[in-house]
PDB file of N, CA and C in Angstrom:
ATOM      1  N   MET A   1      87.853 125.638  40.292  1.00  0.00           N
ATOM      2  CA  MET A   1      88.047 125.114  39.188  1.00  0.00           C
ATOM      3  C   MET A   1      87.276 123.604  39.375  1.00  0.00           C
ATOM      4  N   ASN A   2      86.922 122.926  38.345  1.00  0.00           N
ATOM      5  CA  ASN A   2      86.332 121.796  38.222  1.00  0.00           C
ATOM      6  C   ASN A   2      86.808 120.768  37.528  1.00  0.00           C
ATOM      7  N   CYS A   3      86.430 119.435  37.916  1.00  0.00           N
ATOM      8  CA  CYS A   3      87.191 118.452  37.242  1.00  0.00           C
ATOM      9  C   CYS A   3      86.753 118.419  35.758  1.00  0.00           C
ATOM     10  N   PHE A   4      87.622 118.049  34.874  1.00  0.00           N
ATOM     11  CA  PHE A   4      87.496 117.879  33.477  1.00  0.00           C
ATOM     12  C   PHE A   4      86.801 116.701  32.992  1.00  0.00           C
ATOM     13  N   ASP A   5      87.014 115.584  33.559  1.00  0.00           N
ATOM     14  CA  ASP A   5      86.475 114.353  33.237  1.00  0.00           C
ATOM     15  C   ASP A   5      84.812 114.311  33.653  1.00  0.00           C
ATOM     16  N   CYS A   6      84.860 114.947  34.949  1.00  0.00           N
ATOM     17  CA  CYS A   6      83.357 115.100  35.392  1.00  0.00           C
ATOM     18  C   CYS A   6      82.606 116.001  34.780  1.00  0.00           C
ATOM     19  N   ALA A   7      82.976 117.046  34.306  1.00  0.00           N
ATOM     20  CA  ALA A   7      82.314 117.984  33.384  1.00  0.00           C
ATOM     21  C   ALA A   7      81.920 117.541  32.005  1.00  0.00           C
ATOM     22  N   ALA A   8      82.529 116.720  31.432  1.00  0.00           N
ATOM     23  CA  ALA A   8      82.388 116.008  30.138  1.00  0.00           C
ATOM     24  C   ALA A   8      81.075 115.234  30.154  1.00  0.00           C
ATOM     25  N   VAL A   9      80.674 114.686  31.210  1.00  0.00           N
ATOM     26  CA  VAL A   9      79.263 114.024  31.534  1.00  0.00           C
ATOM     27  C   VAL A   9      78.480 114.597  32.266  1.00  0.00           C
ATOM     28  N   GLY A  10      78.747 115.938  32.492  1.00  0.00           N
ATOM     29  CA  GLY A  10      77.727 116.903  32.874  1.00  0.00           C
ATOM     30  C   GLY A  10      77.573 117.112  34.458  1.00  0.00           C
ATOM     31  N   ASP A  11      78.726 116.584  35.135  1.00  0.00           N
ATOM     32  CA  ASP A  11      78.705 116.810  36.707  1.00  0.00           C
ATOM     33  C   ASP A  11      79.506 118.073  36.902  1.00  0.00           C
ATOM     34  N   ASN A  12      79.316 118.259  38.037  1.00  0.00           N
ATOM     35  CA  ASN A  12      80.174 119.676  38.516  1.00  0.00           C
ATOM     36  C   ASN A  12      80.961 119.321  39.918  1.00  0.00           C
ATOM     37  N   THR A  13      82.128 118.611  39.739  1.00  0.00           N
ATOM     38  CA  THR A  13      82.832 118.204  40.654  1.00  0.00           C
ATOM     39  C   THR A  13      83.994 118.908  40.888  1.00  0.00           C
ATOM     40  N   ALA A  14      84.221 119.385  42.158  1.00  0.00           N
ATOM     41  CA  ALA A  14      85.625 120.328  42.464  1.00  0.00           C
ATOM     42  C   ALA A  14      86.890 119.719  42.150  1.00  0.00           C
ATOM     43  N   ALA A  15      87.817 120.307  41.306  1.00  0.00           N
ATOM     44  CA  ALA A  15      88.979 119.625  41.096  1.00  0.00           C
ATOM     45  C   ALA A  15      90.051 119.506  42.469  1.00  0.00           C
ATOM     46  N   VAL A  16      90.715 118.733  42.649  1.00  0.00           N
ATOM     47  CA  VAL A  16      91.918 118.453  43.795  1.00  0.00           C
ATOM     48  C   VAL A  16      93.201 118.291  43.405  1.00  0.00           C
ATOM     49  N   ALA A  17      93.449 118.379  41.956  1.00  0.00           N
ATOM     50  CA  ALA A  17      95.013 118.275  41.330  1.00  0.00           C
ATOM     51  C   ALA A  17      94.543 118.771  39.900  1.00  0.00           C
ATOM     52  N   VAL A  18      95.984 118.930  39.318  1.00  0.00           N
ATOM     53  CA  VAL A  18      96.117 119.047  37.779  1.00  0.00           C
ATOM     54  C   VAL A  18      97.129 117.824  37.496  1.00  0.00           C
ATOM     55  N   CYS A  19      96.632 117.444  36.110  1.00  0.00           N
ATOM     56  CA  CYS A  19      97.336 116.336  35.714  1.00  0.00           C
ATOM     57  C   CYS A  19      98.805 116.995  35.356  1.00  0.00           C
ATOM     58  N   ALA A  20      99.751 116.139  35.765  1.00  0.00           N
ATOM     59  CA  ALA A  20     101.230 116.649  35.534  1.00  0.00           C
ATOM     60  C   ALA A  20     101.636 116.453  34.001  1.00  0.00           C
ATOM     61  N   ASP A  21     100.675 115.520  32.862  1.00  0.00           N
ATOM     62  CA  ASP A  21     101.082 115.769  31.695  1.00  0.00           C
ATOM     63  C   ASP A  21     100.317 116.656  30.651  1.00  0.00           C
ATOM     64  N   CYS A  22      99.016 116.529  30.773  1.00  0.00           N
ATOM     65  CA  CYS A  22      98.157 117.155  30.021  1.00  0.00           C
ATOM     66  C   CYS A  22      97.496 118.696  30.622  1.00  0.00           C
ATOM     67  N   GLY A  23      97.708 118.769  31.946  1.00  0.00           N
ATOM     68  CA  GLY A  23      97.350 119.985  32.705  1.00  0.00           C
ATOM     69  C   GLY A  23      95.764 120.008  32.857  1.00  0.00           C
ATOM     70  N   ALA A  24      94.952 118.909  32.696  1.00  0.00           N
ATOM     71  CA  ALA A  24      93.539 118.876  33.083  1.00  0.00           C
ATOM     72  C   ALA A  24      93.206 118.832  34.628  1.00  0.00           C
ATOM     73  N   ALA A  25      92.273 119.512  34.849  1.00  0.00           N
ATOM     74  CA  ALA A  25      92.048 119.531  36.398  1.00  0.00           C
ATOM     75  C   ALA A  25      91.265 118.147  36.531  1.00  0.00           C
ATOM     76  N   VAL A  26      91.617 117.484  37.749  1.00  0.00           N
ATOM     77  CA  VAL A  26      91.085 116.373  38.192  1.00  0.00           C
ATOM     78  C   VAL A  26      90.766 116.237  39.634  1.00  0.00           C
ATOM     79  N   CYS A  27      89.263 115.477  39.797  1.00  0.00           N
ATOM     80  CA  CYS A  27      88.795 115.377  41.076  1.00  0.00           C
ATOM     81  C   CYS A  27      89.578 114.078  41.762  1.00  0.00           C
ATOM     82  N   TYR A  28      89.307 114.112  43.039  1.00  0.00           N
ATOM     83  CA  TYR A  28      89.977 112.810  43.624  1.00  0.00           C
ATOM     84  C   TYR A  28      89.430 111.420  43.151  1.00  0.00           C
ATOM     85  N   THR A  29      88.386 111.307  42.382  1.00  0.00           N
ATOM     86  CA  THR A  29      87.982 109.951  41.657  1.00  0.00           C
ATOM     87  C   THR A  29      88.957 109.920  40.431  1.00  0.00           C
ATOM     88  N   HIS A  30      88.927 110.816  39.833  1.00  0.00           N
ATOM     89  CA  HIS A  30      89.586 110.592  38.440  1.00  0.00           C
ATOM     90  C   HIS A  30      91.161 110.786  38.501  1.00  0.00           C
ATOM     91  N   ALA A  31      91.898 111.101  39.734  1.00  0.00           N
ATOM     92  CA  ALA A  31      93.282 111.517  39.867  1.00  0.00           C
ATOM     93  C   ALA A  31      93.787 109.964  40.094  1.00  0.00           C
ATOM     94  N   CYS A  32      95.001 109.862  39.424  1.00  0.00           N
ATOM     95  CA  CYS A  32      95.629 108.491  39.633  1.00  0.00           C
ATOM     96  C   CYS A  32      97.014 108.953  40.167  1.00  0.00           C
ATOM     97  N   VAL A  33      97.424 108.383  41.174  1.00  0.00           N
ATOM     98  CA  VAL A  33      98.520 108.915  41.966  1.00  0.00           C
ATOM     99  C   VAL A  33      99.682 107.877  41.893  1.00  0.00           C
ATOM    100  N   SER A  34     100.858 108.016  41.488  1.00  0.00           N
ATOM    101  CA  SER A  34     101.908 107.015  41.349  1.00  0.00           C
ATOM    102  C   SER A  34     103.242 107.624  42.035  1.00  0.00           C
ATOM    103  N   ALA A  35     104.160 106.886  42.240  1.00  0.00           N
ATOM    104  CA  ALA A  35     105.458 107.124  42.870  1.00  0.00           C
ATOM    105  C   ALA A  35     106.311 107.552  41.884  1.00  0.00           C
ATOM    106  N   ARG A  36     107.095 108.934  41.983  1.00  0.00           N
ATOM    107  CA  ARG A  36     108.123 109.342  41.254  1.00  0.00           C
ATOM    108  C   ARG A  36     109.359 109.287  41.930  1.00  0.00           C
ATOM    109  N   TRP A  37     110.280 108.384  41.427  1.00  0.00           N
ATOM    110  CA  TRP A  37     111.611 108.326  42.057  1.00  0.00           C
ATOM    111  C   TRP A  37     112.708 109.440  41.486  1.00  0.00           C
ATOM    112  N   ALA A  38     113.082 110.215  42.398  1.00  0.00           N
ATOM    113  CA  ALA A  38     114.106 110.947  42.016  1.00  0.00           C
ATOM    114  C   ALA A  38     115.490 110.095  42.366  1.00  0.00           C
ATOM    115  N   THR A  39     116.484 110.704  41.464  1.00  0.00           N
ATOM    116  CA  THR A  39     117.727 110.057  41.516  1.00  0.00           C
ATOM    117  C   THR A  39     118.928 110.916  41.786  1.00  0.00           C
ATOM    118  N   ARG A  40     120.085 110.328  42.195  1.00  0.00           N
ATOM    119  CA  ARG A  40     121.093 111.228  42.219  1.00  0.00           C
ATOM    120  C   ARG A  40     122.607 110.328  41.791  1.00  0.00           C
ATOM    121  N   ALA A  41     123.670 110.992  41.298  1.00  0.00           N
ATOM    122  CA  ALA A  41     124.644 110.443  40.823  1.00  0.00           C
ATOM    123  C   ALA A  41     125.733 110.121  42.082  1.00  0.00           C
ATOM    124  N   THR A  42     126.264 109.018  42.283  1.00  0.00           N
ATOM    125  CA  THR A  42     127.279 108.738  43.589  1.00  0.00           C
ATOM    126  C   THR A  42     128.584 108.561  42.765  1.00  0.00           C
ATOM    127  N   ALA A  43     129.591 107.951  43.725  1.00  0.00           N
ATOM    128  CA  ALA A  43     130.994 107.808  43.039  1.00  0.00           C
ATOM    129  C   ALA A  43     130.978 106.746  41.831  1.00  0.00           C
ATOM    130  N   LEU A  44     131.577 106.978  40.993  1.00  0.00           N
ATOM    131  CA  LEU A  44     131.873 106.027  39.761  1.00  0.00           C
ATOM    132  C   LEU A  44     130.526 106.242  39.069  1.00  0.00           C
ATOM    133  N   ASN A  45     129.905 107.158  38.912  1.00  0.00           N
ATOM    134  CA  ASN A  45     128.645 107.482  38.246  1.00  0.00           C
ATOM    135  C   ASN A  45     127.514 106.466  38.469  1.00  0.00           C
ATOM    136  N   ARG A  46     127.396 105.999  39.622  1.00  0.00           N
ATOM    137  CA  ARG A  46     126.356 105.166  39.906  1.00  0.00           C
ATOM    138  C   ARG A  46     125.143 105.815  40.192  1.00  0.00           C
ATOM    139  N   VAL A  47     123.907 105.636  39.849  1.00  0.00           N
ATOM    140  CA  VAL A  47     122.661 106.272  40.137  1.00  0.00           C
ATOM    141  C   VAL A  47     122.061 105.525  41.215  1.00  0.00           C
ATOM    142  N   VAL A  48     121.563 106.340  42.209  1.00  0.00           N
ATOM    143  CA  VAL A  48     120.738 105.707  43.283  1.00  0.00           C
ATOM    144  C   VAL A  48     119.576 106.414  43.446  1.00  0.00           C
ATOM    145  N   ARG A  49     118.631 105.710  43.784  1.00  0.00           N
ATOM    146  CA  ARG A  49     117.041 106.281  44.154  1.00  0.00           C
ATOM    147  C   ARG A  49     117.230 107.065  45.343  1.00  0.00           C
ATOM    148  N   VAL A  50     116.592 108.310  45.505  1.00  0.00           N
ATOM    149  CA  VAL A  50     116.441 109.020  46.538  1.00  0.00           C
ATOM    150  C   VAL A  50     115.197 108.519  47.454  1.00  0.00           C
ATOM    151  N   GLU A  51     115.354 108.452  48.775  1.00  0.00           N
ATOM    152  CA  GLU A  51     114.081 108.101  49.410  1.00  0.00           C
ATOM    153  C   GLU A  51     113.611 109.407  50.217  1.00  0.00           C
ATOM    154  N   PRO A  52     112.379 109.479  50.355  1.00  0.00           N
ATOM    155  CA  PRO A  52     111.440 108.748  49.867  1.00  0.00           C
ATOM    156  C   PRO A  52     110.961 109.190  48.544  1.00  0.00           C
ATOM    157  N   PRO A  53     110.234 108.432  47.654  1.00  0.00           N
ATOM    158  CA  PRO A  53     109.584 108.631  46.510  1.00  0.00           C
ATOM    159  C   PRO A  53     108.737 110.015  46.535  1.00  0.00           C
ATOM    160  N   SER A  54     108.849 111.020  45.603  1.00  0.00           N
ATOM    161  CA  SER A  54     107.730 111.940  45.435  1.00  0.00           C
ATOM    162  C   SER A  54     106.427 111.372  44.896  1.00  0.00           C
ATOM    163  N   ARG A  55     105.553 112.201  44.570  1.00  0.00           N
ATOM    164  CA  ARG A  55     104.259 111.616  43.932  1.00  0.00           C
ATOM    165  C   ARG A  55     104.199 112.325  42.543  1.00  0.00           C
ATOM    166  N   ILE A  56     103.526 111.718  41.681  1.00  0.00           N
ATOM    167  CA  ILE A  56     103.114 112.295  40.432  1.00  0.00           C
ATOM    168  C   ILE A  56     101.587 112.045  40.189  1.00  0.00           C
ATOM    169  N   ILE A  57     100.710 113.055  39.782  1.00  0.00           N
ATOM    170  CA  ILE A  57      99.262 112.696  39.580  1.00  0.00           C
ATOM    171  C   ILE A  57      98.881 113.031  37.985  1.00  0.00           C
ATOM    172  N   ARG A  58      98.332 112.229  37.490  1.00  0.00           N
ATOM    173  CA  ARG A  58      97.830 112.155  36.270  1.00  0.00           C
ATOM    174  C   ARG A  58      96.278 111.870  36.211  1.00  0.00           C
ATOM    175  N   CYS A  59      95.972 112.262  34.979  1.00  0.00           N
ATOM    176  CA  CYS A  59      94.347 112.180  34.920  1.00  0.00           C
ATOM    177  C   CYS A  59      94.288 110.542  34.611  1.00  0.00           C
ATOM    178  N   SER A  60      93.079 110.132  34.387  1.00  0.00           N
ATOM    179  CA  SER A  60      92.886 108.782  33.947  1.00  0.00           C
ATOM    180  C   SER A  60      93.516 108.381  32.447  1.00  0.00           C
ATOM    181  N   LEU A  61      93.139 109.466  31.695  1.00  0.00           N
ATOM    182  CA  LEU A  61      93.789 109.273  30.320  1.00  0.00           C
ATOM    183  C   LEU A  61      95.131 109.129  30.024  1.00  0.00           C
ATOM    184  N   CYS A  62      95.674 110.097  30.680  1.00  0.00           N
ATOM    185  CA  CYS A  62      97.455 110.111  30.624  1.00  0.00           C
ATOM    186  C   CYS A  62      97.888 108.781  31.288  1.00  0.00           C
ATOM    187  N   GLU A  63      97.252 108.389  32.468  1.00  0.00           N
ATOM    188  CA  GLU A  63      97.784 107.129  33.150  1.00  0.00           C
ATOM    189  C   GLU A  63      97.730 106.104  32.371  1.00  0.00           C
ATOM    190  N   GLN A  64      96.592 105.878  31.545  1.00  0.00           N
ATOM    191  CA  GLN A  64      96.527 104.757  30.625  1.00  0.00           C
ATOM    192  C   GLN A  64      97.599 104.926  29.605  1.00  0.00           C
ATOM    193  N   THR A  65      97.854 106.095  29.002  1.00  0.00           N
ATOM    194  CA  THR A  65      98.690 106.289  27.949  1.00  0.00           C
ATOM    195  C   THR A  65     100.013 106.190  28.247  1.00  0.00           C
ATOM    196  N   HIS A  66     100.487 106.220  29.575  1.00  0.00           N
ATOM    197  CA  HIS A  66     101.700 106.489  29.840  1.00  0.00           C
ATOM    198  C   HIS A  66     102.636 105.342  29.906  1.00  0.00           C
ATOM    199  N   GLY A  67     101.800 103.987  30.176  1.00  0.00           N
ATOM    200  CA  GLY A  67     102.781 103.102  30.012  1.00  0.00           C
ATOM    201  C   GLY A  67     102.390 102.133  28.755  1.00  0.00           C
ATOM    202  N   ALA A  68     101.802 102.887  27.757  1.00  0.00           N
ATOM    203  CA  ALA A  68     101.376 102.119  26.404  1.00  0.00           C
ATOM    204  C   ALA A  68     102.609 102.479  25.506  1.00  0.00           C
ATOM    205  N   ALA A  69     102.726 101.259  24.720  1.00  0.00           N
ATOM    206  CA  ALA A  69     103.848 101.207  23.665  1.00  0.00           C
ATOM    207  C   ALA A  69     103.728 102.233  22.566  1.00  0.00           C
ATOM    208  N   PRO A  70     104.849 102.692  22.302  1.00  0.00           N
ATOM    209  CA  PRO A  70     104.694 103.844  21.071  1.00  0.00           C
ATOM    210  C   PRO A  70     104.282 103.471  19.652  1.00  0.00           C
ATOM    211  N   GLU A  71     103.546 104.119  19.092  1.00  0.00           N
ATOM    212  CA  GLU A  71     103.128 103.701  17.883  1.00  0.00           C
ATOM    213  C   GLU A  71     104.009 103.736  16.836  1.00  0.00           C
ATOM    214  N   THR A  72     104.151 103.113  15.692  1.00  0.00           N
ATOM    215  CA  THR A  72     105.037 102.970  14.778  1.00  0.00           C
ATOM    216  C   THR A  72     104.849 104.256  13.824  1.00  0.00           C
ATOM    217  N   CYS A  73     105.642 104.934  13.576  1.00  0.00           N
ATOM    218  CA  CYS A  73     105.618 106.182  12.695  1.00  0.00           C
ATOM    219  C   CYS A  73     105.138 105.447  11.256  1.00  0.00           C
ATOM    220  N   THR A  74     104.299 106.110  10.498  1.00  0.00           N
ATOM    221  CA  THR A  74     103.913 105.578   9.259  1.00  0.00           C
ATOM    222  C   THR A  74     104.101 106.851   8.120  1.00  0.00           C
ATOM    223  N   VAL A  75     104.521 108.048   8.660  1.00  0.00           N
ATOM    224  CA  VAL A  75     104.946 108.960   7.897  1.00  0.00           C
ATOM    225  C   VAL A  75     106.243 108.843   7.023  1.00  0.00           C
ATOM    226  N   PRO A  76     106.326 108.892   5.675  1.00  0.00           N
ATOM    227  CA  PRO A  76     107.331 108.590   4.890  1.00  0.00           C
ATOM    228  C   PRO A  76     108.454 109.727   5.143  1.00  0.00           C
ATOM    229  N   ASN A  77     109.624 109.196   5.319  1.00  0.00           N
ATOM    230  CA  ASN A  77     111.021 110.162   5.410  1.00  0.00           C
ATOM    231  C   ASN A  77     111.000 110.870   4.241  1.00  0.00           C
ATOM    232  N   PRO A  78     111.075 112.433   4.099  1.00  0.00           N
ATOM    233  CA  PRO A  78     111.218 113.072   2.946  1.00  0.00           C
ATOM    234  C   PRO A  78     112.585 113.045   2.571  1.00  0.00           C
ATOM    235  N   ARG A  79     113.733 112.753   3.388  1.00  0.00           N
ATOM    236  CA  ARG A  79     114.880 112.608   3.077  1.00  0.00           C
ATOM    237  C   ARG A  79     115.421 111.440   2.425  1.00  0.00           C
ATOM    238  N   ARG A  80     114.511 110.389   2.415  1.00  0.00           N
ATOM    239  CA  ARG A  80     114.883 109.250   2.012  1.00  0.00           C
ATOM    240  C   ARG A  80     114.730 109.047   0.377  1.00  0.00           C
ATOM    241  N   SER A  81     115.419 108.528  -0.176  1.00  0.00           N
ATOM    242  CA  SER A  81     115.503 108.576  -1.789  1.00  0.00           C
ATOM    243  C   SER A  81     114.522 107.572  -2.023  1.00  0.00           C
ATOM    244  N   THR A  82     113.423 107.767  -3.073  1.00  0.00           N
ATOM    245  CA  THR A  82     112.431 106.858  -3.688  1.00  0.00           C
ATOM    246  C   THR A  82     112.881 106.233  -4.861  1.00  0.00           C
ATOM    247  N   ARG A  83     114.253 106.220  -5.218  1.00  0.00           N
ATOM    248  CA  ARG A  83     114.561 105.416  -6.399  1.00  0.00           C
ATOM    249  C   ARG A  83     114.534 103.970  -6.201  1.00  0.00           C
TER     250      ARG A  83
END
């Protein structure tokens, strides 16, 4: 399997991972690795992080959009009265 981003520019680079969000194959250059903290509930419903963190791999596009602010919805609500 080859890297999707490299193939878009005509390169033929082997993929080393698959994006956790969109499923695109990525090479080592285009892979973005970050920590994913697992949690567990303890007494009194307190949530604590579990050590060590696991990892999540995303393509560069999904990594950029992961932290972006959500876009405001401009589609009118069909249930809302127009009177």
